[in-house]
Amino acid sequence: MSISSSSTRPAGLFVAFEGGDGAGKSTQAEKLTAALEAAGRTVVRTREPGGTPVGEQLRSLVLEHGNGEIDARTEALIFAASRAAHVAQVIRPAVERGEVVVCDRFIDSSVAYQGSGRALGTEEVRQLNIWATEGFSPDLTVLLDVDPEQGRLRRTANDAEEDRMESEPDAFHLRIRRTFLEQARNNPERYLVLDAGRPVDELAGTILARVRELLP
């Protein structure tokens, strides 16, 4: 259920895409959005951090190089603050209107990146974000699993520059991958775990089929 305080399922659907950097989350989120819109659904396509004016400013602050040192706790709080605004202003209202929200990253990314990658503690970071979102969670989380080395090759293709998080060493990204997979094992009913190395259109078809099963 998307809203833990309610015993009634919301009219819409909330789908989050998770995975390491370079997994192809944005590509699959765009394909899902296009397929649902073609079927007549109203879709809100969004991302984290970001999704609101304040969220986009926080995104630039925490991901771009050149903003000075950002310690791990400050980083975790920035992500949580962006997410609080995102849920209150965009995601929850859209789901309550009966729309489908397709989001690139959500709480599970903070648990993986700050909880495990930055060693702040997965449960501590999870509880911070549960408070920030008032217990709001996706109906479906699509985890695109990618090997850290392969992810780096993908995201640096054509000499693309990595952001603050992407440029962390592979050991950091390996911890993140393991934590994503652990979260999926602990919540199998909410997760769809897919090998990011599969053909793009094949992945898109599998994701769309699962989402159709959940549409109200």
Foldseek 3Di string as FASTA:
>chain_A
DQAPVDPDQALAFEEEEDEFAQLCLVVLLVLLVVVCVVVVAAEAEEEPQPQDVLSVVLCCCQWAPDNPDQALVNSLVSRLQSQLCNLVPPVVVQSNVNHYYYYYDDQLQSLLQSQFLVVPNSVVSSVSNCVSNVNGDGQAYEYAYDQLVNSLCNCCPPNHDGIPSNPDDSVSSVSSRVSSVVVCVVPVNRYDYDHSPPDPVVVSVVVNVVVVVVND
